[in-house]
């Protein structure tokens, strides 16, 4: 079964899997925030730098497992594979959506 994802979520996964940090960051609002591994990143430029560094370090690929959305809150469950200990790992992406853009992303396991 192929999961139907909102266009913006599908696009941000595709950008990640193609290692396109500029396209990835474009799915976020201008003042978006990302929380990952105890660090926070604010704004498209920091988000772009964060995802580029993480992708280069871990060569990550995302496979969506589940997505639920209630109002402006979304939860994307993904299997993340790459060159890191414990790969592949299932992670939860907690999203605050602002129209078709992502206002915030918090990554948890």
PDB file of N, CA and C in Angstrom:
ATOM      1  N   UNK A   1       0.838  -1.186   0.000  1.00  0.00           N
ATOM      2  CA  UNK A   1       0.000   0.000   0.000  1.00  0.00           C
ATOM      3  C   UNK A   1       0.885   1.252   0.000  1.00  0.00           C
ATOM      4  N   UNK A   2       0.569   2.161  -0.861  1.00  0.00           N
ATOM      5  CA  UNK A   2       1.310   3.429  -0.909  1.00  0.00           C
ATOM      6  C   UNK A   2       0.562   4.450  -0.066  1.00  0.00           C
ATOM      7  N   UNK A   3       1.307   5.052   0.841  1.00  0.00           N
ATOM      8  CA  UNK A   3       0.708   6.031   1.743  1.00  0.00           C
ATOM      9  C   UNK A   3       0.519   7.358   1.011  1.00  0.00           C
ATOM     10  N   UNK A   4      -0.640   7.962   1.202  1.00  0.00           N
ATOM     11  CA  UNK A   4      -0.897   9.279   0.606  1.00  0.00           C
ATOM     12  C   UNK A   4      -0.477  10.342   1.614  1.00  0.00           C
ATOM     13  N   UNK A   5       0.525  11.104   1.239  1.00  0.00           N
ATOM     14  CA  UNK A   5       1.042  12.160   2.107  1.00  0.00           C
ATOM     15  C   UNK A   5       0.680  13.513   1.515  1.00  0.00           C
ATOM     16  N   UNK A   6       0.507  14.531   2.370  1.00  0.00           N
ATOM     17  CA  UNK A   6       0.326  15.882   1.838  1.00  0.00           C
ATOM     18  C   UNK A   6       1.533  16.241   0.960  1.00  0.00           C
ATOM     19  N   UNK A   7       1.292  17.044  -0.051  1.00  0.00           N
ATOM     20  CA  UNK A   7       2.334  17.407  -1.015  1.00  0.00           C
ATOM     21  C   UNK A   7       3.590  17.971  -0.350  1.00  0.00           C
ATOM     22  N   UNK A   8       3.411  18.839   0.665  1.00  0.00           N
ATOM     23  CA  UNK A   8       4.580  19.441   1.309  1.00  0.00           C
ATOM     24  C   UNK A   8       5.400  18.409   2.077  1.00  0.00           C
ATOM     25  N   UNK A   9       4.743  17.424   2.694  1.00  0.00           N
ATOM     26  CA  UNK A   9       5.460  16.378   3.441  1.00  0.00           C
ATOM     27  C   UNK A   9       6.198  15.466   2.459  1.00  0.00           C
ATOM     28  N   UNK A  10       5.506  15.101   1.389  1.00  0.00           N
ATOM     29  CA  UNK A  10       6.122  14.273   0.351  1.00  0.00           C
ATOM     30  C   UNK A  10       7.346  14.981  -0.239  1.00  0.00           C
ATOM     31  N   UNK A  11       7.217  16.293  -0.478  1.00  0.00           N
ATOM     32  CA  UNK A  11       8.306  17.070  -1.073  1.00  0.00           C
ATOM     33  C   UNK A  11       9.509  17.163  -0.168  1.00  0.00           C
ATOM     34  N   UNK A  12       9.253  17.338   1.134  1.00  0.00           N
ATOM     35  CA  UNK A  12      10.377  17.474   2.066  1.00  0.00           C
ATOM     36  C   UNK A  12      11.101  16.139   2.246  1.00  0.00           C
ATOM     37  N   UNK A  13      10.394  15.029   2.173  1.00  0.00           N
ATOM     38  CA  UNK A  13      11.035  13.702   2.223  1.00  0.00           C
ATOM     39  C   UNK A  13      11.872  13.484   0.958  1.00  0.00           C
ATOM     40  N   UNK A  14      11.293  13.834  -0.190  1.00  0.00           N
ATOM     41  CA  UNK A  14      12.005  13.680  -1.466  1.00  0.00           C
ATOM     42  C   UNK A  14      13.283  14.532  -1.462  1.00  0.00           C
ATOM     43  N   UNK A  15      13.185  15.782  -0.989  1.00  0.00           N
ATOM     44  CA  UNK A  15      14.360  16.666  -0.941  1.00  0.00           C
ATOM     45  C   UNK A  15      15.441  16.066  -0.041  1.00  0.00           C
ATOM     46  N   UNK A  16      15.032  15.500   1.099  1.00  0.00           N
ATOM     47  CA  UNK A  16      15.986  14.856   2.014  1.00  0.00           C
ATOM     48  C   UNK A  16      16.670  13.682   1.314  1.00  0.00           C
ATOM     49  N   UNK A  17      15.876  12.841   0.667  1.00  0.00           N
ATOM     50  CA  UNK A  17      16.424  11.642   0.036  1.00  0.00           C
ATOM     51  C   UNK A  17      17.305  11.957  -1.165  1.00  0.00           C
ATOM     52  N   UNK A  18      17.121  13.141  -1.746  1.00  0.00           N
ATOM     53  CA  UNK A  18      17.968  13.565  -2.868  1.00  0.00           C
ATOM     54  C   UNK A  18      19.112  14.459  -2.395  1.00  0.00           C
ATOM     55  N   UNK A  19      19.274  14.583  -1.074  1.00  0.00           N
ATOM     56  CA  UNK A  19      20.335  15.413  -0.472  1.00  0.00           C
ATOM     57  C   UNK A  19      20.291  16.848  -0.978  1.00  0.00           C
ATOM     58  N   UNK A  20      19.077  17.374  -1.174  1.00  0.00           N
ATOM     59  CA  UNK A  20      18.909  18.742  -1.663  1.00  0.00           C
ATOM     60  C   UNK A  20      18.511  19.626  -0.477  1.00  0.00           C
ATOM     61  N   UNK A  21      19.511  20.138   0.228  1.00  0.00           N
ATOM     62  CA  UNK A  21      19.251  20.903   1.448  1.00  0.00           C
ATOM     63  C   UNK A  21      18.513  22.210   1.168  1.00  0.00           C
ATOM     64  N   UNK A  22      18.737  22.807   0.001  1.00  0.00           N
ATOM     65  CA  UNK A  22      18.039  24.053  -0.348  1.00  0.00           C
ATOM     66  C   UNK A  22      16.554  23.780  -0.529  1.00  0.00           C
ATOM     67  N   UNK A  23      16.225  22.733  -1.269  1.00  0.00           N
ATOM     68  CA  UNK A  23      14.812  22.367  -1.465  1.00  0.00           C
ATOM     69  C   UNK A  23      14.190  21.965  -0.133  1.00  0.00           C
ATOM     70  N   UNK A  24      14.932  21.207   0.681  1.00  0.00           N
ATOM     71  CA  UNK A  24      14.438  20.780   1.993  1.00  0.00           C
ATOM     72  C   UNK A  24      14.048  21.999   2.825  1.00  0.00           C
ATOM     73  N   UNK A  25      14.942  22.969   2.925  1.00  0.00           N
ATOM     74  CA  UNK A  25      14.695  24.169   3.736  1.00  0.00           C
ATOM     75  C   UNK A  25      13.537  24.993   3.183  1.00  0.00           C
ATOM     76  N   UNK A  26      13.294  24.911   1.881  1.00  0.00           N
ATOM     77  CA  UNK A  26      12.220  25.706   1.272  1.00  0.00           C
ATOM     78  C   UNK A  26      10.831  25.260   1.732  1.00  0.00           C
ATOM     79  N   UNK A  27      10.721  24.072   2.314  1.00  0.00           N
ATOM     80  CA  UNK A  27       9.428  23.599   2.824  1.00  0.00           C
ATOM     81  C   UNK A  27       9.089  24.203   4.185  1.00  0.00           C
ATOM     82  N   UNK A  28      10.033  24.921   4.776  1.00  0.00           N
ATOM     83  CA  UNK A  28       9.837  25.528   6.085  1.00  0.00           C
ATOM     84  C   UNK A  28       9.490  27.008   5.946  1.00  0.00           C
ATOM     85  N   UNK A  29       8.780  27.542   6.949  1.00  0.00           N
ATOM     86  CA  UNK A  29       8.510  28.979   6.969  1.00  0.00           C
ATOM     87  C   UNK A  29       9.830  29.717   7.212  1.00  0.00           C
ATOM     88  N   UNK A  30       9.829  30.990   6.954  1.00  0.00           N
ATOM     89  CA  UNK A  30      11.040  31.811   7.107  1.00  0.00           C
ATOM     90  C   UNK A  30      11.604  31.757   8.529  1.00  0.00           C
ATOM     91  N   UNK A  31      10.715  31.647   9.529  1.00  0.00           N
ATOM     92  CA  UNK A  31      11.164  31.650  10.930  1.00  0.00           C
ATOM     93  C   UNK A  31      10.939  30.306  11.616  1.00  0.00           C
ATOM     94  N   UNK A  32      10.934  29.239  10.827  1.00  0.00           N
ATOM     95  CA  UNK A  32      10.692  27.894  11.367  1.00  0.00           C
ATOM     96  C   UNK A  32      11.801  27.480  12.329  1.00  0.00           C
ATOM     97  N   UNK A  33      11.473  26.503  13.183  1.00  0.00           N
ATOM     98  CA  UNK A  33      12.470  25.942  14.099  1.00  0.00           C
ATOM     99  C   UNK A  33      12.505  24.425  13.941  1.00  0.00           C
ATOM    100  N   UNK A  34      13.692  23.878  14.161  1.00  0.00           N
ATOM    101  CA  UNK A  34      13.892  22.427  14.155  1.00  0.00           C
ATOM    102  C   UNK A  34      14.592  22.058  15.447  1.00  0.00           C
ATOM    103  N   UNK A  35      14.108  20.995  16.112  1.00  0.00           N
ATOM    104  CA  UNK A  35      14.768  20.453  17.309  1.00  0.00           C
ATOM    105  C   UNK A  35      15.177  19.029  16.996  1.00  0.00           C
ATOM    106  N   UNK A  36      16.473  18.741  17.144  1.00  0.00           N
ATOM    107  CA  UNK A  36      17.006  17.412  16.851  1.00  0.00           C
ATOM    108  C   UNK A  36      18.239  17.161  17.706  1.00  0.00           C
ATOM    109  N   UNK A  37      18.300  16.000  18.330  1.00  0.00           N
ATOM    110  CA  UNK A  37      19.450  15.592  19.142  1.00  0.00           C
ATOM    111  C   UNK A  37      19.857  16.663  20.149  1.00  0.00           C
ATOM    112  N   UNK A  38      18.875  17.306  20.776  1.00  0.00           N
ATOM    113  CA  UNK A  38      19.168  18.283  21.822  1.00  0.00           C
ATOM    114  C   UNK A  38      19.568  19.659  21.335  1.00  0.00           C
ATOM    115  N   UNK A  39      19.572  19.884  20.026  1.00  0.00           N
ATOM    116  CA  UNK A  39      19.917  21.196  19.478  1.00  0.00           C
ATOM    117  C   UNK A  39      18.715  21.779  18.751  1.00  0.00           C
ATOM    118  N   UNK A  40      18.699  23.114  18.649  1.00  0.00           N
ATOM    119  CA  UNK A  40      17.625  23.791  17.923  1.00  0.00           C
ATOM    120  C   UNK A  40      18.214  24.655  16.825  1.00  0.00           C
ATOM    121  N   UNK A  41      17.472  24.750  15.740  1.00  0.00           N
ATOM    122  CA  UNK A  41      17.889  25.529  14.585  1.00  0.00           C
ATOM    123  C   UNK A  41      16.715  26.418  14.197  1.00  0.00           C
ATOM    124  N   UNK A  42      16.989  27.698  13.899  1.00  0.00           N
ATOM    125  CA  UNK A  42      15.926  28.646  13.580  1.00  0.00           C
ATOM    126  C   UNK A  42      16.160  29.289  12.223  1.00  0.00           C
ATOM    127  N   UNK A  43      15.106  29.354  11.435  1.00  0.00           N
ATOM    128  CA  UNK A  43      15.176  30.008  10.126  1.00  0.00           C
ATOM    129  C   UNK A  43      15.679  29.070   9.051  1.00  0.00           C
ATOM    130  N   UNK A  44      15.323  29.387   7.818  1.00  0.00           N
ATOM    131  CA  UNK A  44      15.668  28.504   6.688  1.00  0.00           C
ATOM    132  C   UNK A  44      17.169  28.277   6.532  1.00  0.00           C
ATOM    133  N   UNK A  45      17.983  29.309   6.757  1.00  0.00           N
ATOM    134  CA  UNK A  45      19.432  29.160   6.543  1.00  0.00           C
ATOM    135  C   UNK A  45      20.029  28.161   7.537  1.00  0.00           C
ATOM    136  N   UNK A  46      19.667  28.288   8.823  1.00  0.00           N
ATOM    137  CA  UNK A  46      20.179  27.333   9.827  1.00  0.00           C
ATOM    138  C   UNK A  46      19.650  25.935   9.563  1.00  0.00           C
ATOM    139  N   UNK A  47      18.384  25.832   9.154  1.00  0.00           N
ATOM    140  CA  UNK A  47      17.793  24.519   8.861  1.00  0.00           C
ATOM    141  C   UNK A  47      18.520  23.890   7.671  1.00  0.00           C
ATOM    142  N   UNK A  48      18.808  24.694   6.665  1.00  0.00           N
ATOM    143  CA  UNK A  48      19.540  24.199   5.490  1.00  0.00           C
ATOM    144  C   UNK A  48      20.927  23.684   5.905  1.00  0.00           C
ATOM    145  N   UNK A  49      21.632  24.462   6.734  1.00  0.00           N
ATOM    146  CA  UNK A  49      22.973  24.055   7.179  1.00  0.00           C
ATOM    147  C   UNK A  49      22.901  22.788   8.026  1.00  0.00           C
ATOM    148  N   UNK A  50      21.895  22.698   8.904  1.00  0.00           N
ATOM    149  CA  UNK A  50      21.726  21.516   9.763  1.00  0.00           C
ATOM    150  C   UNK A  50      21.493  20.261   8.918  1.00  0.00           C
ATOM    151  N   UNK A  51      20.539  20.325   7.975  1.00  0.00           N
ATOM    152  CA  UNK A  51      20.209  19.119   7.209  1.00  0.00           C
ATOM    153  C   UNK A  51      21.353  18.734   6.283  1.00  0.00           C
ATOM    154  N   UNK A  52      22.064  19.737   5.766  1.00  0.00           N
ATOM    155  CA  UNK A  52      23.203  19.449   4.888  1.00  0.00           C
ATOM    156  C   UNK A  52      24.300  18.730   5.675  1.00  0.00           C
ATOM    157  N   UNK A  53      24.620  19.218   6.873  1.00  0.00           N
ATOM    158  CA  UNK A  53      25.652  18.590   7.703  1.00  0.00           C
ATOM    159  C   UNK A  53      25.232  17.184   8.120  1.00  0.00           C
ATOM    160  N   UNK A  54      23.961  17.026   8.525  1.00  0.00           N
ATOM    161  CA  UNK A  54      23.468  15.715   8.958  1.00  0.00           C
ATOM    162  C   UNK A  54      23.471  14.714   7.799  1.00  0.00           C
ATOM    163  N   UNK A  55      23.090  15.178   6.624  1.00  0.00           N
ATOM    164  CA  UNK A  55      23.052  14.302   5.449  1.00  0.00           C
ATOM    165  C   UNK A  55      24.456  13.879   5.046  1.00  0.00           C
ATOM    166  N   UNK A  56      25.394  14.828   5.068  1.00  0.00           N
ATOM    167  CA  UNK A  56      26.785  14.497   4.721  1.00  0.00           C
ATOM    168  C   UNK A  56      27.377  13.526   5.740  1.00  0.00           C
ATOM    169  N   UNK A  57      27.052  13.717   7.018  1.00  0.00           N
ATOM    170  CA  UNK A  57      27.604  12.882   8.077  1.00  0.00           C
ATOM    171  C   UNK A  57      27.011  11.470   8.076  1.00  0.00           C
ATOM    172  N   UNK A  58      25.680  11.387   7.873  1.00  0.00           N
ATOM    173  CA  UNK A  58      25.000  10.097   8.037  1.00  0.00           C
ATOM    174  C   UNK A  58      24.430   9.500   6.758  1.00  0.00           C
ATOM    175  N   UNK A  59      24.471  10.237   5.635  1.00  0.00           N
ATOM    176  CA  UNK A  59      23.943   9.731   4.369  1.00  0.00           C
ATOM    177  C   UNK A  59      22.521   9.182   4.539  1.00  0.00           C
ATOM    178  N   UNK A  60      21.645   9.977   5.160  1.00  0.00           N
ATOM    179  CA  UNK A  60      20.319   9.506   5.553  1.00  0.00           C
ATOM    180  C   UNK A  60      19.336   9.394   4.396  1.00  0.00           C
ATOM    181  N   UNK A  61      18.501   8.367   4.504  1.00  0.00           N
ATOM    182  CA  UNK A  61      17.372   8.181   3.606  1.00  0.00           C
ATOM    183  C   UNK A  61      16.141   7.973   4.473  1.00  0.00           C
ATOM    184  N   UNK A  62      15.040   8.623   4.098  1.00  0.00           N
ATOM    185  CA  UNK A  62      13.800   8.507   4.865  1.00  0.00           C
ATOM    186  C   UNK A  62      12.788   7.663   4.107  1.00  0.00           C
ATOM    187  N   UNK A  63      12.136   6.761   4.834  1.00  0.00           N
ATOM    188  CA  UNK A  63      11.023   5.997   4.287  1.00  0.00           C
ATOM    189  C   UNK A  63       9.831   6.240   5.198  1.00  0.00           C
ATOM    190  N   UNK A  64       8.770   6.899   4.685  1.00  0.00           N
ATOM    191  CA  UNK A  64       7.611   7.161   5.537  1.00  0.00           C
ATOM    192  C   UNK A  64       6.922   5.865   5.950  1.00  0.00           C
ATOM    193  N   UNK A  65       6.535   5.792   7.227  1.00  0.00           N
ATOM    194  CA  UNK A  65       5.856   4.618   7.771  1.00  0.00           C
ATOM    195  C   UNK A  65       4.403   4.968   8.088  1.00  0.00           C
ATOM    196  N   UNK A  66       4.185   6.163   8.645  1.00  0.00           N
ATOM    197  CA  UNK A  66       2.841   6.572   9.040  1.00  0.00           C
ATOM    198  C   UNK A  66       2.780   8.093   9.102  1.00  0.00           C
ATOM    199  N   UNK A  67       1.598   8.636   8.844  1.00  0.00           N
ATOM    200  CA  UNK A  67       1.401  10.079   8.979  1.00  0.00           C
ATOM    201  C   UNK A  67      -0.015  10.334   9.474  1.00  0.00           C
ATOM    202  N   UNK A  68      -0.122  11.150  10.505  1.00  0.00           N
ATOM    203  CA  UNK A  68      -1.429  11.574  10.997  1.00  0.00           C
ATOM    204  C   UNK A  68      -1.393  13.086  11.142  1.00  0.00           C
ATOM    205  N   UNK A  69      -2.546  13.707  10.916  1.00  0.00           N
ATOM    206  CA  UNK A  69      -2.627  15.160  11.055  1.00  0.00           C
ATOM    207  C   UNK A  69      -3.938  15.530  11.718  1.00  0.00           C
ATOM    208  N   UNK A  70      -3.838  16.392  12.724  1.00  0.00           N
ATOM    209  CA  UNK A  70      -5.010  16.947  13.390  1.00  0.00           C
ATOM    210  C   UNK A  70      -4.831  18.449  13.393  1.00  0.00           C
ATOM    211  N   UNK A  71      -5.649  19.135  12.613  1.00  0.00           N
ATOM    212  CA  UNK A  71      -5.494  20.586  12.511  1.00  0.00           C
ATOM    213  C   UNK A  71      -4.127  20.929  11.947  1.00  0.00           C
ATOM    214  N   UNK A  72      -3.381  21.775  12.658  1.00  0.00           N
ATOM    215  CA  UNK A  72      -2.062  22.190  12.160  1.00  0.00           C
ATOM    216  C   UNK A  72      -0.932  21.300  12.681  1.00  0.00           C
ATOM    217  N   UNK A  73      -1.272  20.271  13.459  1.00  0.00           N
ATOM    218  CA  UNK A  73      -0.240  19.380  14.002  1.00  0.00           C
ATOM    219  C   UNK A  73      -0.194  18.082  13.205  1.00  0.00           C
ATOM    220  N   UNK A  74       1.014  17.706  12.829  1.00  0.00           N
ATOM    221  CA  UNK A  74       1.197  16.461  12.095  1.00  0.00           C
ATOM    222  C   UNK A  74       2.254  15.618  12.774  1.00  0.00           C
ATOM    223  N   UNK A  75       2.107  14.303  12.632  1.00  0.00           N
ATOM    224  CA  UNK A  75       3.137  13.396  13.148  1.00  0.00           C
ATOM    225  C   UNK A  75       3.489  12.434  12.031  1.00  0.00           C
ATOM    226  N   UNK A  76       4.736  12.515  11.599  1.00  0.00           N
ATOM    227  CA  UNK A  76       5.251  11.665  10.544  1.00  0.00           C
ATOM    228  C   UNK A  76       6.200  10.655  11.183  1.00  0.00           C
ATOM    229  N   UNK A  77       5.907   9.382  11.001  1.00  0.00           N
ATOM    230  CA  UNK A  77       6.809   8.336  11.477  1.00  0.00           C
ATOM    231  C   UNK A  77       7.606   7.865  10.263  1.00  0.00           C
ATOM    232  N   UNK A  78       8.927   7.884  10.397  1.00  0.00           N
ATOM    233  CA  UNK A  78       9.796   7.491   9.283  1.00  0.00           C
ATOM    234  C   UNK A  78      10.821   6.468   9.733  1.00  0.00           C
ATOM    235  N   UNK A  79      11.230   5.633   8.790  1.00  0.00           N
ATOM    236  CA  UNK A  79      12.376   4.766   9.028  1.00  0.00           C
ATOM    237  C   UNK A  79      13.553   5.510   8.406  1.00  0.00           C
ATOM    238  N   UNK A  80      14.550   5.783   9.235  1.00  0.00           N
ATOM    239  CA  UNK A  80      15.734   6.516   8.788  1.00  0.00           C
ATOM    240  C   UNK A  80      16.876   5.519   8.670  1.00  0.00           C
ATOM    241  N   UNK A  81      17.449   5.425   7.475  1.00  0.00           N
ATOM    242  CA  UNK A  81      18.609   4.555   7.307  1.00  0.00           C
ATOM    243  C   UNK A  81      19.792   5.416   6.895  1.00  0.00           C
ATOM    244  N   UNK A  82      20.968   4.962   7.230  1.00  0.00           N
ATOM    245  CA  UNK A  82      22.166   5.730   6.906  1.00  0.00           C
ATOM    246  C   UNK A  82      23.373   5.140   7.596  1.00  0.00           C
ATOM    247  N   UNK A  83      24.439   5.927   7.641  1.00  0.00           N
ATOM    248  CA  UNK A  83      25.701   5.459   8.205  1.00  0.00           C
ATOM    249  C   UNK A  83      25.829   5.909   9.652  1.00  0.00           C
ATOM    250  N   UNK A  84      24.890   5.493  10.486  1.00  0.00           N
ATOM    251  CA  UNK A  84      24.937   5.813  11.908  1.00  0.00           C
ATOM    252  C   UNK A  84      24.647   4.544  12.701  1.00  0.00           C
ATOM    253  N   UNK A  85      25.128   4.470  13.957  1.00  0.00           N
ATOM    254  CA  UNK A  85      24.884   3.290  14.781  1.00  0.00           C
ATOM    255  C   UNK A  85      23.386   3.057  14.959  1.00  0.00           C
ATOM    256  N   UNK A  86      22.960   1.807  14.813  1.00  0.00           N
ATOM    257  CA  UNK A  86      21.551   1.470  15.010  1.00  0.00           C
ATOM    258  C   UNK A  86      20.694   1.651  13.767  1.00  0.00           C
ATOM    259  N   UNK A  87      21.332   1.938  12.627  1.00  0.00           N
ATOM    260  CA  UNK A  87      20.570   2.115  11.387  1.00  0.00           C
ATOM    261  C   UNK A  87      20.028   0.769  10.916  1.00  0.00           C
ATOM    262  N   UNK A  88      18.793   0.714  10.418  1.00  0.00           N
ATOM    263  CA  UNK A  88      17.821   1.798  10.353  1.00  0.00           C
ATOM    264  C   UNK A  88      17.117   2.007  11.694  1.00  0.00           C
ATOM    265  N   UNK A  89      16.630   3.223  11.898  1.00  0.00           N
ATOM    266  CA  UNK A  89      15.925   3.566  13.133  1.00  0.00           C
ATOM    267  C   UNK A  89      14.580   4.186  12.772  1.00  0.00           C
ATOM    268  N   UNK A  90      13.592   3.931  13.613  1.00  0.00           N
ATOM    269  CA  UNK A  90      12.287   4.557  13.412  1.00  0.00           C
ATOM    270  C   UNK A  90      12.251   5.830  14.252  1.00  0.00           C
ATOM    271  N   UNK A  91      11.934   6.948  13.602  1.00  0.00           N
ATOM    272  CA  UNK A  91      11.906   8.248  14.263  1.00  0.00           C
ATOM    273  C   UNK A  91      10.532   8.878  14.061  1.00  0.00           C
ATOM    274  N   UNK A  92      10.177   9.765  14.977  1.00  0.00           N
ATOM    275  CA  UNK A  92       8.929  10.513  14.861  1.00  0.00           C
ATOM    276  C   UNK A  92       9.245  11.970  14.600  1.00  0.00           C
ATOM    277  N   UNK A  93       8.638  12.501  13.570  1.00  0.00           N
ATOM    278  CA  UNK A  93       8.780  13.906  13.207  1.00  0.00           C
ATOM    279  C   UNK A  93       7.487  14.593  13.619  1.00  0.00           C
ATOM    280  N   UNK A  94       7.557  15.418  14.649  1.00  0.00           N
ATOM    281  CA  UNK A  94       6.393  16.164  15.137  1.00  0.00           C
ATOM    282  C   UNK A  94       6.403  17.514  14.430  1.00  0.00           C
ATOM    283  N   UNK A  95       5.386  17.749  13.623  1.00  0.00           N
ATOM    284  CA  UNK A  95       5.343  18.927  12.764  1.00  0.00           C
ATOM    285  C   UNK A  95       4.247  19.892  13.179  1.00  0.00           C
ATOM    286  N   UNK A  96       4.559  21.178  13.107  1.00  0.00           N
ATOM    287  CA  UNK A  96       3.554  22.240  13.223  1.00  0.00           C
ATOM    288  C   UNK A  96       3.459  22.796  11.814  1.00  0.00           C
ATOM    289  N   UNK A  97       2.289  22.686  11.232  1.00  0.00           N
ATOM    290  CA  UNK A  97       2.128  23.127   9.853  1.00  0.00           C
ATOM    291  C   UNK A  97       1.513  24.519   9.814  1.00  0.00           C
ATOM    292  N   UNK A  98       2.026  25.321   8.893  1.00  0.00           N
ATOM    293  CA  UNK A  98       1.556  26.691   8.715  1.00  0.00           C
ATOM    294  C   UNK A  98       1.155  26.794   7.250  1.00  0.00           C
ATOM    295  N   UNK A  99      -0.095  26.487   6.949  1.00  0.00           N
ATOM    296  CA  UNK A  99      -0.515  26.407   5.553  1.00  0.00           C
ATOM    297  C   UNK A  99       0.218  25.258   4.895  1.00  0.00           C
ATOM    298  N   UNK A 100       0.871  25.529   3.775  1.00  0.00           N
ATOM    299  CA  UNK A 100       1.601  24.462   3.091  1.00  0.00           C
ATOM    300  C   UNK A 100       3.068  24.408   3.525  1.00  0.00           C
ATOM    301  N   UNK A 101       3.454  25.250   4.495  1.00  0.00           N
ATOM    302  CA  UNK A 101       4.828  25.249   4.993  1.00  0.00           C
ATOM    303  C   UNK A 101       4.907  24.617   6.377  1.00  0.00           C
ATOM    304  N   UNK A 102       6.117  24.265   6.768  1.00  0.00           N
ATOM    305  CA  UNK A 102       6.351  23.675   8.089  1.00  0.00           C
ATOM    306  C   UNK A 102       6.853  24.778   9.008  1.00  0.00           C
ATOM    307  N   UNK A 103       6.126  24.983  10.119  1.00  0.00           N
ATOM    308  CA  UNK A 103       6.511  26.019  11.078  1.00  0.00           C
ATOM    309  C   UNK A 103       7.499  25.514  12.092  1.00  0.00           C
ATOM    310  N   UNK A 104       7.378  24.228  12.458  1.00  0.00           N
ATOM    311  CA  UNK A 104       8.369  23.644  13.364  1.00  0.00           C
ATOM    312  C   UNK A 104       8.414  22.139  13.172  1.00  0.00           C
ATOM    313  N   UNK A 105       9.570  21.589  13.494  1.00  0.00           N
ATOM    314  CA  UNK A 105       9.826  20.154  13.398  1.00  0.00           C
ATOM    315  C   UNK A 105      10.600  19.746  14.632  1.00  0.00           C
ATOM    316  N   UNK A 106      10.076  18.744  15.338  1.00  0.00           N
ATOM    317  CA  UNK A 106      10.791  18.179  16.485  1.00  0.00           C
ATOM    318  C   UNK A 106      10.949  16.694  16.218  1.00  0.00           C
ATOM    319  N   UNK A 107      12.208  16.238  16.222  1.00  0.00           N
ATOM    320  CA  UNK A 107      12.499  14.842  15.913  1.00  0.00           C
ATOM    321  C   UNK A 107      12.730  14.076  17.214  1.00  0.00           C
ATOM    322  N   UNK A 108      11.970  12.997  17.399  1.00  0.00           N
ATOM    323  CA  UNK A 108      12.121  12.149  18.587  1.00  0.00           C
ATOM    324  C   UNK A 108      12.206  10.693  18.153  1.00  0.00           C
ATOM    325  N   UNK A 109      12.698   9.842  19.062  1.00  0.00           N
ATOM    326  CA  UNK A 109      12.704   8.416  18.715  1.00  0.00           C
ATOM    327  C   UNK A 109      11.585   7.707  19.425  1.00  0.00           C
TER     328      UNK A 109
END
